[in-house]
Amino acid sequence: MRKERPGLRLWRKAPLCRPARGSCITPQGDKSAYTDKQKRKAEHIEEGYEKRGVSEGEAERRAWATVNKQDGGSKQSGSGRKH
């Protein structure tokens, strides 16, 4: 059995929200941070993949990856947005 060294912490999962820092991390798979337009776009892309014979789960994954690639992720303000 290992001895714990003083000051050595075991890895712990980061908290979802850190109000003091003003940031929150959404869990994987949570689509609430996306705009309605981005959700519609992902749905349309997903349908296209499914028509080509891609499985439902893989089509959804690819659709959200495409939306992230095109739009730079979830909701963003217009002025600081990268193109």
C-alpha atoms as a PDB file:
ATOM      1  CA  MET A   1       0.000   0.000   0.000  1.00  0.00           C
ATOM      2  CA  ARG A   2       1.281   3.461  -0.913  1.00  0.00           C
ATOM      3  CA  LYS A   3       1.909   6.152   1.606  1.00  0.00           C
ATOM      4  CA  GLU A   4       0.379   9.488   0.788  1.00  0.00           C
ATOM      5  CA  ARG A   5       2.835  12.303   0.598  1.00  0.00           C
ATOM      6  CA  PRO A   6       1.898  15.502   2.400  1.00  0.00           C
ATOM      7  CA  GLY A   7       0.351  18.053   0.097  1.00  0.00           C
ATOM      8  CA  LEU A   8      -0.377  15.484  -2.619  1.00  0.00           C
ATOM      9  CA  ARG A   9      -3.987  15.559  -3.703  1.00  0.00           C
ATOM     10  CA  LEU A  10      -5.757  12.875  -5.616  1.00  0.00           C
ATOM     11  CA  TRP A  11      -7.288  13.971  -8.896  1.00  0.00           C
ATOM     12  CA  ARG A  12     -10.822  15.186  -8.419  1.00  0.00           C
ATOM     13  CA  LYS A  13     -13.421  16.061 -10.969  1.00  0.00           C
ATOM     14  CA  ALA A  14     -13.639  19.820 -11.465  1.00  0.00           C
ATOM     15  CA  PRO A  15     -16.847  21.433 -10.208  1.00  0.00           C
ATOM     16  CA  LEU A  16     -19.338  22.429 -12.886  1.00  0.00           C
ATOM     17  CA  CYS A  17     -19.636  26.040 -11.748  1.00  0.00           C
ATOM     18  CA  ARG A  18     -17.156  28.362 -10.131  1.00  0.00           C
ATOM     19  CA  PRO A  19     -19.143  31.524  -9.349  1.00  0.00           C
ATOM     20  CA  ALA A  20     -16.081  33.281  -7.944  1.00  0.00           C
ATOM     21  CA  ARG A  21     -14.369  32.960 -11.326  1.00  0.00           C
ATOM     22  CA  GLY A  22     -17.556  33.655 -13.254  1.00  0.00           C
ATOM     23  CA  SER A  23     -17.384  30.482 -15.321  1.00  0.00           C
ATOM     24  CA  CYS A  24     -19.468  27.356 -15.641  1.00  0.00           C
ATOM     25  CA  ILE A  25     -18.712  24.138 -17.479  1.00  0.00           C
ATOM     26  CA  THR A  26     -21.646  22.329 -19.072  1.00  0.00           C
ATOM     27  CA  PRO A  27     -21.642  18.546 -18.966  1.00  0.00           C
ATOM     28  CA  GLN A  28     -20.875  16.674 -22.168  1.00  0.00           C
ATOM     29  CA  GLY A  29     -23.944  16.198 -24.307  1.00  0.00           C
ATOM     30  CA  ASP A  30     -25.774  19.221 -22.884  1.00  0.00           C
ATOM     31  CA  LYS A  31     -27.146  21.214 -25.837  1.00  0.00           C
ATOM     32  CA  SER A  32     -28.875  23.968 -23.823  1.00  0.00           C
ATOM     33  CA  ALA A  33     -26.070  26.436 -24.591  1.00  0.00           C
ATOM     34  CA  TYR A  34     -26.825  26.360 -28.337  1.00  0.00           C
ATOM     35  CA  THR A  35     -29.153  28.770 -30.139  1.00  0.00           C
ATOM     36  CA  ASP A  36     -32.370  27.538 -31.757  1.00  0.00           C
ATOM     37  CA  LYS A  37     -30.805  28.168 -35.160  1.00  0.00           C
ATOM     38  CA  GLN A  38     -27.788  25.979 -34.287  1.00  0.00           C
ATOM     39  CA  LYS A  39     -30.115  23.210 -33.053  1.00  0.00           C
ATOM     40  CA  ARG A  40     -32.131  23.342 -36.305  1.00  0.00           C
ATOM     41  CA  LYS A  41     -28.917  23.284 -38.328  1.00  0.00           C
ATOM     42  CA  ALA A  42     -27.656  20.202 -36.440  1.00  0.00           C
ATOM     43  CA  GLU A  43     -31.002  18.443 -36.957  1.00  0.00           C
ATOM     44  CA  HIS A  44     -30.902  19.129 -40.701  1.00  0.00           C
ATOM     45  CA  ILE A  45     -27.298  17.917 -40.997  1.00  0.00           C
ATOM     46  CA  GLU A  46     -28.143  14.810 -38.948  1.00  0.00           C
ATOM     47  CA  GLU A  47     -31.037  13.944 -41.293  1.00  0.00           C
ATOM     48  CA  GLY A  48     -28.667  14.220 -44.258  1.00  0.00           C
ATOM     49  CA  TYR A  49     -26.232  11.764 -42.703  1.00  0.00           C
ATOM     50  CA  GLU A  50     -29.047   9.340 -41.871  1.00  0.00           C
ATOM     51  CA  LYS A  51     -30.255   9.452 -45.508  1.00  0.00           C
ATOM     52  CA  ARG A  52     -26.733   8.374 -46.512  1.00  0.00           C
ATOM     53  CA  GLY A  53     -26.968   5.328 -44.232  1.00  0.00           C
ATOM     54  CA  VAL A  54     -25.014   6.556 -41.201  1.00  0.00           C
ATOM     55  CA  SER A  55     -26.322   5.221 -37.864  1.00  0.00           C
ATOM     56  CA  GLU A  56     -28.483   7.547 -35.751  1.00  0.00           C
ATOM     57  CA  GLY A  57     -25.883   8.024 -32.991  1.00  0.00           C
ATOM     58  CA  GLU A  58     -23.014   8.598 -35.382  1.00  0.00           C
ATOM     59  CA  ALA A  59     -25.131  10.996 -37.452  1.00  0.00           C
ATOM     60  CA  GLU A  60     -25.903  13.070 -34.345  1.00  0.00           C
ATOM     61  CA  ARG A  61     -22.233  13.140 -33.332  1.00  0.00           C
ATOM     62  CA  ARG A  62     -21.131  14.234 -36.796  1.00  0.00           C
ATOM     63  CA  ALA A  63     -23.886  16.862 -37.008  1.00  0.00           C
ATOM     64  CA  TRP A  64     -22.851  18.565 -33.748  1.00  0.00           C
ATOM     65  CA  ALA A  65     -19.189  18.361 -34.749  1.00  0.00           C
ATOM     66  CA  THR A  66     -20.094  20.129 -37.997  1.00  0.00           C
ATOM     67  CA  VAL A  67     -22.072  22.846 -36.187  1.00  0.00           C
ATOM     68  CA  ASN A  68     -19.167  23.390 -33.784  1.00  0.00           C
ATOM     69  CA  LYS A  69     -16.714  23.601 -36.665  1.00  0.00           C
ATOM     70  CA  GLN A  70     -18.841  26.058 -38.661  1.00  0.00           C
ATOM     71  CA  ASP A  71     -20.076  28.257 -35.811  1.00  0.00           C
ATOM     72  CA  GLY A  72     -17.169  27.998 -33.375  1.00  0.00           C
ATOM     73  CA  GLY A  73     -19.155  26.232 -30.653  1.00  0.00           C
ATOM     74  CA  SER A  74     -22.256  27.230 -28.710  1.00  0.00           C
ATOM     75  CA  LYS A  75     -23.790  30.696 -28.231  1.00  0.00           C
ATOM     76  CA  GLN A  76     -21.411  33.568 -28.730  1.00  0.00           C
ATOM     77  CA  SER A  77     -21.862  37.296 -28.851  1.00  0.00           C
ATOM     78  CA  GLY A  78     -21.702  38.858 -32.284  1.00  0.00           C
ATOM     79  CA  SER A  79     -18.861  41.331 -31.716  1.00  0.00           C
ATOM     80  CA  GLY A  80     -16.180  38.932 -30.517  1.00  0.00           C
ATOM     81  CA  ARG A  81     -17.051  36.120 -32.830  1.00  0.00           C
ATOM     82  CA  LYS A  82     -14.360  34.528 -34.996  1.00  0.00           C
ATOM     83  CA  HIS A  83     -15.164  33.833 -38.636  1.00  0.00           C
END
